[in-house]
Amino acid sequence: MGERRRVVVGVSGSLGSLAALHRAAEEARRGGAELLTVLAWTPPGGEHSVRRAPCPPLASVCREAAVERLGTALGEAFPSGLAGVPLKCVAVRGEAGPALVAAANGPDDVLIVGAGGGPWWRRLRPSVTNYCVRHAGCPVLTVPQPQLLRELASFERRNACHLPMETMEMTGSSH
């Protein structure tokens, strides 16, 4: 028999990635598949800065922090554990899109990612979701943001350009 079917999911700890993680666990449970959680990380300043000034202890600390962040995300998503689903967790050094596409390389894999969004400053970076959809060799399922996150984003957009209103007392003036 060939390789076991895998459900690969990108995890960052954001609410969107936790929603994707829940959906991935559901898909893995329903299909009898292994759940592979992937957290991609890069050193501070990116790979370019590391090539200019390598610092192995810093890379080690960053990797440990990524592993801890992945464990924290799993603990937040499944406080009582993840029963009935074979689980494998990896922290991969690299950009999230390419790391996820490389991880979802099996013939029967399914890649699950959050649909993105979030604060405007995060949307300035290239979309991991778009990268995965364009480059993956397997089906990609995008999970929409949780309703609360969509409402918060809508609230932020509505209020982004509005200054706090001050109350002014209208008094009669005498000439």
N, C-alpha and C. Protein backbone atom coordinates (compact mmCIF):
# COMPACT_ATOMS: atom_id res chain seq x y z
N MET A 1 0.85 -1.19 0.00
CA MET A 1 0.00 0.00 0.00
C MET A 1 0.89 1.24 0.00
N GLY A 2 0.44 2.32 -0.64
CA GLY A 2 1.23 3.55 -0.77
C GLY A 2 1.26 4.36 0.50
N GLU A 3 1.68 5.60 0.33
CA GLU A 3 1.77 6.53 1.46
C GLU A 3 0.40 6.80 2.06
N ARG A 4 0.41 7.12 3.33
CA ARG A 4 -0.83 7.50 4.01
C ARG A 4 -1.24 8.89 3.56
N ARG A 5 -2.52 9.10 3.36
CA ARG A 5 -3.03 10.42 3.00
C ARG A 5 -2.73 11.39 4.14
N ARG A 6 -2.34 12.63 3.77
CA ARG A 6 -2.03 13.64 4.78
C ARG A 6 -2.85 14.90 4.53
N VAL A 7 -3.21 15.53 5.62
CA VAL A 7 -3.80 16.86 5.58
C VAL A 7 -2.74 17.78 6.16
N VAL A 8 -2.24 18.69 5.33
CA VAL A 8 -1.18 19.61 5.73
C VAL A 8 -1.82 20.96 6.02
N VAL A 9 -1.47 21.57 7.14
CA VAL A 9 -2.07 22.86 7.51
C VAL A 9 -0.99 23.82 8.00
N GLY A 10 -1.09 25.06 7.53
CA GLY A 10 -0.19 26.11 8.00
C GLY A 10 -0.70 26.69 9.29
N VAL A 11 0.20 26.82 10.26
CA VAL A 11 -0.18 27.34 11.58
C VAL A 11 0.77 28.48 11.93
N SER A 12 0.19 29.60 12.33
CA SER A 12 1.02 30.72 12.78
C SER A 12 0.65 31.16 14.19
N GLY A 13 -0.51 30.73 14.64
CA GLY A 13 -1.01 31.17 15.94
C GLY A 13 -2.09 32.23 15.81
N SER A 14 -2.28 32.78 14.60
CA SER A 14 -3.33 33.77 14.39
C SER A 14 -4.70 33.09 14.46
N LEU A 15 -5.74 33.89 14.66
CA LEU A 15 -7.09 33.32 14.71
C LEU A 15 -7.44 32.63 13.40
N GLY A 16 -7.02 33.21 12.28
CA GLY A 16 -7.29 32.59 10.98
C GLY A 16 -6.62 31.23 10.84
N SER A 17 -5.38 31.12 11.34
CA SER A 17 -4.69 29.84 11.22
C SER A 17 -5.27 28.81 12.20
N LEU A 18 -5.79 29.27 13.32
CA LEU A 18 -6.44 28.34 14.26
C LEU A 18 -7.74 27.81 13.66
N ALA A 19 -8.46 28.65 12.92
CA ALA A 19 -9.66 28.18 12.22
C ALA A 19 -9.28 27.15 11.17
N ALA A 20 -8.19 27.39 10.44
CA ALA A 20 -7.70 26.43 9.45
C ALA A 20 -7.29 25.12 10.13
N LEU A 21 -6.66 25.23 11.30
CA LEU A 21 -6.23 24.05 12.05
C LEU A 21 -7.43 23.20 12.47
N HIS A 22 -8.49 23.83 12.93
CA HIS A 22 -9.71 23.09 13.30
C HIS A 22 -10.29 22.38 12.08
N ARG A 23 -10.35 23.07 10.96
CA ARG A 23 -10.89 22.45 9.74
C ARG A 23 -10.01 21.30 9.29
N ALA A 24 -8.69 21.47 9.38
CA ALA A 24 -7.76 20.42 8.98
C ALA A 24 -7.92 19.19 9.87
N ALA A 25 -8.09 19.39 11.16
CA ALA A 25 -8.28 18.26 12.07
C ALA A 25 -9.57 17.51 11.73
N GLU A 26 -10.61 18.27 11.40
CA GLU A 26 -11.88 17.67 11.00
C GLU A 26 -11.71 16.84 9.72
N GLU A 27 -11.00 17.42 8.74
CA GLU A 27 -10.76 16.71 7.47
C GLU A 27 -9.93 15.46 7.70
N ALA A 28 -8.90 15.55 8.53
CA ALA A 28 -8.05 14.39 8.81
C ALA A 28 -8.85 13.29 9.51
N ARG A 29 -9.65 13.67 10.48
CA ARG A 29 -10.46 12.70 11.22
C ARG A 29 -11.45 12.02 10.28
N ARG A 30 -12.12 12.79 9.46
CA ARG A 30 -13.13 12.26 8.55
C ARG A 30 -12.50 11.34 7.50
N GLY A 31 -11.30 11.68 7.03
CA GLY A 31 -10.68 10.90 5.96
C GLY A 31 -9.67 9.88 6.44
N GLY A 32 -9.50 9.72 7.75
CA GLY A 32 -8.52 8.77 8.27
C GLY A 32 -7.10 9.14 7.88
N ALA A 33 -6.82 10.42 7.82
CA ALA A 33 -5.51 10.90 7.35
C ALA A 33 -4.65 11.37 8.52
N GLU A 34 -3.36 11.50 8.24
CA GLU A 34 -2.44 12.10 9.20
C GLU A 34 -2.55 13.62 9.09
N LEU A 35 -2.49 14.31 10.22
CA LEU A 35 -2.50 15.77 10.24
C LEU A 35 -1.07 16.25 10.41
N LEU A 36 -0.59 17.00 9.44
CA LEU A 36 0.76 17.57 9.49
C LEU A 36 0.63 19.07 9.67
N THR A 37 1.03 19.57 10.83
CA THR A 37 0.99 21.01 11.09
C THR A 37 2.36 21.59 10.79
N VAL A 38 2.37 22.71 10.07
CA VAL A 38 3.62 23.33 9.64
C VAL A 38 3.62 24.79 10.09
N LEU A 39 4.64 25.17 10.83
CA LEU A 39 4.85 26.57 11.17
C LEU A 39 6.17 26.99 10.53
N ALA A 40 6.09 27.94 9.61
CA ALA A 40 7.30 28.44 8.94
C ALA A 40 7.84 29.63 9.71
N TRP A 41 9.16 29.72 9.78
CA TRP A 41 9.78 30.83 10.49
C TRP A 41 11.01 31.30 9.73
N THR A 42 11.31 32.56 9.91
CA THR A 42 12.53 33.14 9.34
C THR A 42 13.26 33.88 10.44
N PRO A 43 14.57 33.95 10.35
CA PRO A 43 15.33 34.70 11.36
C PRO A 43 15.02 36.19 11.29
N PRO A 44 15.23 36.93 12.38
CA PRO A 44 15.01 38.37 12.35
C PRO A 44 15.84 39.00 11.23
N GLY A 45 15.21 39.84 10.45
CA GLY A 45 15.91 40.47 9.33
C GLY A 45 15.91 39.64 8.07
N GLY A 46 15.39 38.41 8.13
CA GLY A 46 15.30 37.55 6.96
C GLY A 46 16.59 36.82 6.65
N GLU A 47 16.53 35.99 5.65
CA GLU A 47 17.69 35.17 5.27
C GLU A 47 18.86 36.01 4.77
N HIS A 48 18.55 37.13 4.14
CA HIS A 48 19.63 37.99 3.62
C HIS A 48 20.53 38.47 4.75
N SER A 49 19.93 38.89 5.86
CA SER A 49 20.75 39.39 6.97
C SER A 49 21.59 38.27 7.59
N VAL A 50 21.06 37.05 7.59
CA VAL A 50 21.79 35.93 8.16
C VAL A 50 22.98 35.56 7.28
N ARG A 51 22.81 35.67 5.96
CA ARG A 51 23.93 35.39 5.06
C ARG A 51 25.05 36.41 5.27
N ARG A 52 24.67 37.65 5.55
CA ARG A 52 25.67 38.71 5.76
C ARG A 52 26.37 38.56 7.10
N ALA A 53 25.64 38.15 8.12
CA ALA A 53 26.22 38.03 9.46
C ALA A 53 25.63 36.80 10.17
N PRO A 54 26.12 35.61 9.85
CA PRO A 54 25.58 34.39 10.45
C PRO A 54 25.70 34.39 11.97
N CYS A 55 24.69 33.88 12.61
CA CYS A 55 24.70 33.78 14.07
C CYS A 55 23.95 32.51 14.47
N PRO A 56 24.63 31.37 14.47
CA PRO A 56 23.96 30.10 14.79
C PRO A 56 23.18 30.11 16.11
N PRO A 57 23.68 30.74 17.18
CA PRO A 57 22.87 30.75 18.41
C PRO A 57 21.52 31.46 18.22
N LEU A 58 21.50 32.53 17.43
CA LEU A 58 20.24 33.24 17.18
C LEU A 58 19.29 32.35 16.40
N ALA A 59 19.78 31.65 15.40
CA ALA A 59 18.94 30.74 14.62
C ALA A 59 18.35 29.65 15.51
N SER A 60 19.16 29.15 16.43
CA SER A 60 18.69 28.12 17.34
C SER A 60 17.57 28.65 18.25
N VAL A 61 17.75 29.86 18.75
CA VAL A 61 16.73 30.48 19.61
C VAL A 61 15.44 30.71 18.82
N CYS A 62 15.57 31.15 17.58
CA CYS A 62 14.39 31.39 16.73
C CYS A 62 13.65 30.09 16.45
N ARG A 63 14.40 29.03 16.18
CA ARG A 63 13.76 27.73 15.92
C ARG A 63 13.03 27.24 17.16
N GLU A 64 13.66 27.37 18.33
CA GLU A 64 13.01 26.96 19.58
C GLU A 64 11.74 27.77 19.83
N ALA A 65 11.79 29.06 19.53
CA ALA A 65 10.61 29.92 19.70
C ALA A 65 9.49 29.49 18.75
N ALA A 66 9.85 29.10 17.53
CA ALA A 66 8.86 28.65 16.56
C ALA A 66 8.21 27.34 17.03
N VAL A 67 9.01 26.42 17.52
CA VAL A 67 8.48 25.15 18.04
C VAL A 67 7.54 25.42 19.21
N GLU A 68 7.94 26.34 20.08
CA GLU A 68 7.09 26.69 21.22
C GLU A 68 5.79 27.34 20.76
N ARG A 69 5.88 28.22 19.76
CA ARG A 69 4.68 28.88 19.24
C ARG A 69 3.72 27.86 18.62
N LEU A 70 4.27 26.87 17.92
CA LEU A 70 3.44 25.82 17.34
C LEU A 70 2.75 25.02 18.45
N GLY A 71 3.49 24.68 19.49
CA GLY A 71 2.90 23.95 20.62
C GLY A 71 1.81 24.76 21.31
N THR A 72 2.05 26.05 21.45
CA THR A 72 1.05 26.94 22.07
C THR A 72 -0.21 27.00 21.21
N ALA A 73 -0.04 27.12 19.90
CA ALA A 73 -1.19 27.19 19.00
C ALA A 73 -2.01 25.90 19.08
N LEU A 74 -1.34 24.76 19.10
CA LEU A 74 -2.06 23.48 19.21
C LEU A 74 -2.78 23.39 20.55
N GLY A 75 -2.13 23.86 21.62
CA GLY A 75 -2.77 23.84 22.93
C GLY A 75 -3.99 24.75 22.99
N GLU A 76 -3.91 25.90 22.33
CA GLU A 76 -5.06 26.82 22.31
C GLU A 76 -6.19 26.25 21.46
N ALA A 77 -5.85 25.62 20.35
CA ALA A 77 -6.88 25.08 19.45
C ALA A 77 -7.54 23.84 20.04
N PHE A 78 -6.75 23.01 20.72
CA PHE A 78 -7.27 21.75 21.25
C PHE A 78 -6.82 21.57 22.70
N PRO A 79 -7.45 22.31 23.63
CA PRO A 79 -7.00 22.26 25.03
C PRO A 79 -7.05 20.85 25.64
N SER A 80 -7.97 20.01 25.17
CA SER A 80 -8.06 18.66 25.74
C SER A 80 -7.38 17.63 24.85
N GLY A 81 -6.57 18.08 23.91
CA GLY A 81 -5.84 17.16 23.04
C GLY A 81 -6.58 16.91 21.73
N LEU A 82 -5.95 16.13 20.89
CA LEU A 82 -6.48 15.84 19.57
C LEU A 82 -6.58 14.32 19.43
N ALA A 83 -7.64 13.74 19.97
CA ALA A 83 -7.80 12.28 19.99
C ALA A 83 -8.23 11.77 18.61
N GLY A 84 -7.70 10.63 18.25
CA GLY A 84 -8.15 9.95 17.04
C GLY A 84 -7.53 10.45 15.75
N VAL A 85 -6.59 11.36 15.82
CA VAL A 85 -5.96 11.88 14.60
C VAL A 85 -4.44 11.76 14.75
N PRO A 86 -3.80 10.98 13.87
CA PRO A 86 -2.33 10.95 13.92
C PRO A 86 -1.79 12.34 13.61
N LEU A 87 -0.88 12.82 14.44
CA LEU A 87 -0.41 14.20 14.35
C LEU A 87 1.10 14.25 14.21
N LYS A 88 1.56 15.07 13.30
CA LYS A 88 2.99 15.36 13.16
C LYS A 88 3.12 16.87 13.07
N CYS A 89 4.07 17.43 13.81
CA CYS A 89 4.27 18.88 13.86
C CYS A 89 5.70 19.20 13.42
N VAL A 90 5.83 20.20 12.54
CA VAL A 90 7.16 20.61 12.12
C VAL A 90 7.24 22.13 12.09
N ALA A 91 8.40 22.63 12.50
CA ALA A 91 8.72 24.05 12.35
C ALA A 91 9.78 24.11 11.27
N VAL A 92 9.49 24.83 10.19
CA VAL A 92 10.34 24.86 9.01
C VAL A 92 10.93 26.24 8.84
N ARG A 93 12.22 26.31 8.62
CA ARG A 93 12.87 27.59 8.37
C ARG A 93 12.63 27.96 6.92
N GLY A 94 11.98 29.10 6.71
CA GLY A 94 11.70 29.57 5.37
C GLY A 94 10.41 30.37 5.33
N GLU A 95 10.10 30.91 4.17
CA GLU A 95 8.85 31.65 3.98
C GLU A 95 7.68 30.68 4.01
N ALA A 96 6.55 31.13 4.50
CA ALA A 96 5.41 30.25 4.74
C ALA A 96 4.89 29.59 3.45
N GLY A 97 4.68 30.35 2.40
CA GLY A 97 4.12 29.77 1.17
C GLY A 97 4.96 28.63 0.62
N PRO A 98 6.24 28.88 0.32
CA PRO A 98 7.08 27.79 -0.19
C PRO A 98 7.21 26.62 0.79
N ALA A 99 7.26 26.89 2.09
CA ALA A 99 7.38 25.81 3.08
C ALA A 99 6.14 24.92 3.07
N LEU A 100 4.96 25.52 2.95
CA LEU A 100 3.73 24.74 2.93
C LEU A 100 3.61 23.92 1.65
N VAL A 101 3.95 24.54 0.52
CA VAL A 101 3.88 23.82 -0.76
C VAL A 101 4.86 22.65 -0.76
N ALA A 102 6.06 22.85 -0.20
CA ALA A 102 7.03 21.76 -0.13
C ALA A 102 6.56 20.64 0.80
N ALA A 103 5.89 21.00 1.88
CA ALA A 103 5.41 19.99 2.83
C ALA A 103 4.27 19.16 2.25
N ALA A 104 3.41 19.79 1.46
CA ALA A 104 2.26 19.10 0.87
C ALA A 104 2.67 18.52 -0.49
N ASN A 105 3.55 17.54 -0.45
CA ASN A 105 4.12 17.03 -1.69
C ASN A 105 3.68 15.62 -2.04
N GLY A 106 2.82 15.01 -1.23
CA GLY A 106 2.36 13.66 -1.50
C GLY A 106 1.25 13.63 -2.53
N PRO A 107 1.07 12.50 -3.21
CA PRO A 107 0.06 12.43 -4.26
C PRO A 107 -1.37 12.58 -3.74
N ASP A 108 -1.60 12.23 -2.48
CA ASP A 108 -2.95 12.33 -1.92
C ASP A 108 -3.09 13.42 -0.87
N ASP A 109 -2.09 14.30 -0.77
CA ASP A 109 -2.14 15.35 0.24
C ASP A 109 -3.21 16.38 -0.08
N VAL A 110 -3.67 17.04 0.96
CA VAL A 110 -4.56 18.20 0.87
C VAL A 110 -3.91 19.28 1.72
N LEU A 111 -3.81 20.49 1.19
CA LEU A 111 -3.21 21.61 1.90
C LEU A 111 -4.32 22.54 2.35
N ILE A 112 -4.34 22.88 3.63
CA ILE A 112 -5.37 23.76 4.18
C ILE A 112 -4.69 24.99 4.75
N VAL A 113 -5.16 26.17 4.33
CA VAL A 113 -4.60 27.44 4.80
C VAL A 113 -5.75 28.38 5.15
N GLY A 114 -5.45 29.32 6.05
CA GLY A 114 -6.41 30.37 6.36
C GLY A 114 -6.48 31.33 5.19
N ALA A 115 -7.63 31.96 5.01
CA ALA A 115 -7.86 32.84 3.86
C ALA A 115 -7.16 34.18 3.98
N GLY A 116 -6.43 34.39 5.04
CA GLY A 116 -5.67 35.64 5.15
C GLY A 116 -6.52 36.78 5.66
N GLY A 117 -6.13 37.98 5.30
CA GLY A 117 -6.79 39.16 5.82
C GLY A 117 -6.00 39.68 7.00
N GLY A 118 -6.70 40.18 7.98
CA GLY A 118 -6.03 40.70 9.16
C GLY A 118 -5.76 42.19 9.01
N PRO A 119 -4.94 42.72 9.89
CA PRO A 119 -4.65 44.16 9.87
C PRO A 119 -4.00 44.58 8.56
N TRP A 120 -4.17 45.83 8.20
CA TRP A 120 -3.69 46.33 6.90
C TRP A 120 -2.19 46.16 6.75
N TRP A 121 -1.42 46.30 7.83
CA TRP A 121 0.04 46.20 7.70
C TRP A 121 0.47 44.77 7.37
N ARG A 122 -0.30 43.78 7.78
CA ARG A 122 0.04 42.41 7.45
C ARG A 122 -0.31 42.10 6.00
N ARG A 123 -1.30 42.77 5.46
CA ARG A 123 -1.70 42.54 4.08
C ARG A 123 -0.73 43.15 3.08
N LEU A 124 0.25 43.93 3.54
CA LEU A 124 1.25 44.49 2.64
C LEU A 124 2.23 43.42 2.17
N ARG A 125 2.35 42.35 2.93
CA ARG A 125 3.24 41.25 2.54
C ARG A 125 2.55 40.36 1.51
N PRO A 126 3.32 39.61 0.72
CA PRO A 126 2.70 38.70 -0.24
C PRO A 126 1.78 37.69 0.46
N SER A 127 0.70 37.33 -0.20
CA SER A 127 -0.29 36.44 0.39
C SER A 127 0.18 34.99 0.36
N VAL A 128 0.23 34.38 1.52
CA VAL A 128 0.58 32.96 1.62
C VAL A 128 -0.49 32.13 0.92
N THR A 129 -1.74 32.49 1.13
CA THR A 129 -2.84 31.75 0.52
C THR A 129 -2.72 31.77 -1.00
N ASN A 130 -2.51 32.95 -1.58
CA ASN A 130 -2.38 33.03 -3.03
C ASN A 130 -1.19 32.23 -3.53
N TYR A 131 -0.08 32.28 -2.81
CA TYR A 131 1.10 31.51 -3.21
C TYR A 131 0.76 30.02 -3.25
N CYS A 132 0.12 29.53 -2.21
CA CYS A 132 -0.21 28.11 -2.12
C CYS A 132 -1.17 27.69 -3.23
N VAL A 133 -2.17 28.50 -3.49
CA VAL A 133 -3.13 28.17 -4.54
C VAL A 133 -2.44 28.11 -5.90
N ARG A 134 -1.51 29.02 -6.16
CA ARG A 134 -0.83 29.06 -7.46
C ARG A 134 0.23 27.98 -7.62
N HIS A 135 0.88 27.56 -6.54
CA HIS A 135 2.04 26.68 -6.68
C HIS A 135 1.87 25.24 -6.19
N ALA A 136 0.85 24.96 -5.41
CA ALA A 136 0.71 23.61 -4.84
C ALA A 136 0.35 22.60 -5.93
N GLY A 137 0.88 21.41 -5.77
CA GLY A 137 0.56 20.32 -6.69
C GLY A 137 -0.56 19.44 -6.17
N CYS A 138 -1.23 19.88 -5.13
CA CYS A 138 -2.33 19.13 -4.53
C CYS A 138 -3.50 20.08 -4.33
N PRO A 139 -4.68 19.54 -3.99
CA PRO A 139 -5.81 20.44 -3.71
C PRO A 139 -5.50 21.34 -2.52
N VAL A 140 -5.95 22.59 -2.61
CA VAL A 140 -5.77 23.56 -1.54
C VAL A 140 -7.16 24.02 -1.09
N LEU A 141 -7.39 23.92 0.20
CA LEU A 141 -8.64 24.38 0.79
C LEU A 141 -8.34 25.63 1.59
N THR A 142 -9.01 26.73 1.26
CA THR A 142 -8.82 27.96 2.03
C THR A 142 -10.00 28.11 2.98
N VAL A 143 -9.69 28.40 4.22
CA VAL A 143 -10.70 28.52 5.26
C VAL A 143 -10.92 30.00 5.53
N PRO A 144 -12.17 30.46 5.42
CA PRO A 144 -12.42 31.89 5.66
C PRO A 144 -12.09 32.28 7.09
N GLN A 145 -11.85 33.57 7.26
CA GLN A 145 -11.60 34.09 8.61
C GLN A 145 -12.80 33.83 9.49
N PRO A 146 -12.57 33.63 10.79
CA PRO A 146 -13.70 33.50 11.71
C PRO A 146 -14.56 34.78 11.67
N GLN A 147 -15.84 34.63 11.92
CA GLN A 147 -16.77 35.75 11.87
C GLN A 147 -16.32 36.92 12.74
N LEU A 148 -15.83 36.64 13.93
CA LEU A 148 -15.38 37.70 14.84
C LEU A 148 -14.26 38.52 14.21
N LEU A 149 -13.34 37.86 13.53
CA LEU A 149 -12.23 38.55 12.88
C LEU A 149 -12.74 39.43 11.73
N ARG A 150 -13.71 38.92 10.97
CA ARG A 150 -14.28 39.72 9.87
C ARG A 150 -14.98 40.95 10.42
N GLU A 151 -15.70 40.79 11.52
CA GLU A 151 -16.39 41.94 12.12
C GLU A 151 -15.39 42.96 12.66
N LEU A 152 -14.32 42.49 13.26
CA LEU A 152 -13.29 43.39 13.78
C LEU A 152 -12.62 44.15 12.63
N ALA A 153 -12.31 43.47 11.53
CA ALA A 153 -11.71 44.13 10.37
C ALA A 153 -12.66 45.17 9.80
N SER A 154 -13.94 44.86 9.75
CA SER A 154 -14.93 45.80 9.25
C SER A 154 -14.99 47.03 10.15
N PHE A 155 -14.97 46.81 11.45
CA PHE A 155 -14.99 47.91 12.41
C PHE A 155 -13.76 48.79 12.23
N GLU A 156 -12.58 48.15 12.07
CA GLU A 156 -11.33 48.91 11.89
C GLU A 156 -11.38 49.74 10.61
N ARG A 157 -11.91 49.16 9.52
CA ARG A 157 -12.01 49.91 8.25
C ARG A 157 -12.93 51.12 8.40
N ARG A 158 -14.07 50.91 9.05
CA ARG A 158 -15.03 52.01 9.22
C ARG A 158 -14.44 53.14 10.04
N ASN A 159 -13.62 52.81 11.01
CA ASN A 159 -13.12 53.82 11.94
C ASN A 159 -11.69 54.26 11.67
N ALA A 160 -11.09 53.78 10.60
CA ALA A 160 -9.68 54.08 10.33
C ALA A 160 -9.43 55.56 10.12
N CYS A 161 -10.33 56.23 9.47
CA CYS A 161 -10.10 57.63 9.13
C CYS A 161 -10.88 58.60 9.99
N HIS A 162 -11.60 58.09 10.93
CA HIS A 162 -12.42 58.96 11.77
C HIS A 162 -11.68 59.30 13.05
N LEU A 163 -11.61 60.56 13.31
CA LEU A 163 -11.00 61.03 14.56
C LEU A 163 -12.05 60.99 15.66
N PRO A 164 -11.64 60.87 16.88
CA PRO A 164 -12.63 60.88 17.96
C PRO A 164 -13.40 62.19 17.94
N MET A 165 -14.68 62.07 18.14
CA MET A 165 -15.51 63.27 18.13
C MET A 165 -15.46 63.92 19.50
N GLU A 166 -15.30 65.21 19.49
CA GLU A 166 -15.31 65.94 20.74
C GLU A 166 -16.66 66.63 20.87
N THR A 167 -17.14 66.68 22.06
CA THR A 167 -18.40 67.39 22.26
C THR A 167 -18.09 68.83 22.52
N MET A 168 -18.84 69.63 21.85
CA MET A 168 -18.67 71.07 22.02
C MET A 168 -19.95 71.63 22.62
N GLU A 169 -19.78 72.43 23.61
CA GLU A 169 -20.94 73.05 24.20
C GLU A 169 -21.25 74.31 23.42
N MET A 170 -22.48 74.42 23.09
CA MET A 170 -22.93 75.61 22.36
C MET A 170 -23.43 76.61 23.41
N THR A 171 -22.81 77.71 23.46
CA THR A 171 -23.25 78.75 24.41
C THR A 171 -23.61 80.00 23.63
N GLY A 172 -24.50 80.68 24.13
CA GLY A 172 -24.86 81.94 23.49
C GLY A 172 -23.77 82.97 23.73
N SER A 173 -23.53 83.79 22.78
CA SER A 173 -22.52 84.82 22.96
C SER A 173 -23.22 86.17 22.95
N SER A 174 -22.72 87.05 23.74
CA SER A 174 -23.31 88.40 23.76
C SER A 174 -22.40 89.33 23.01
N HIS A 175 -22.99 90.19 22.28
CA HIS A 175 -22.21 91.17 21.51
C HIS A 175 -22.15 92.44 22.22
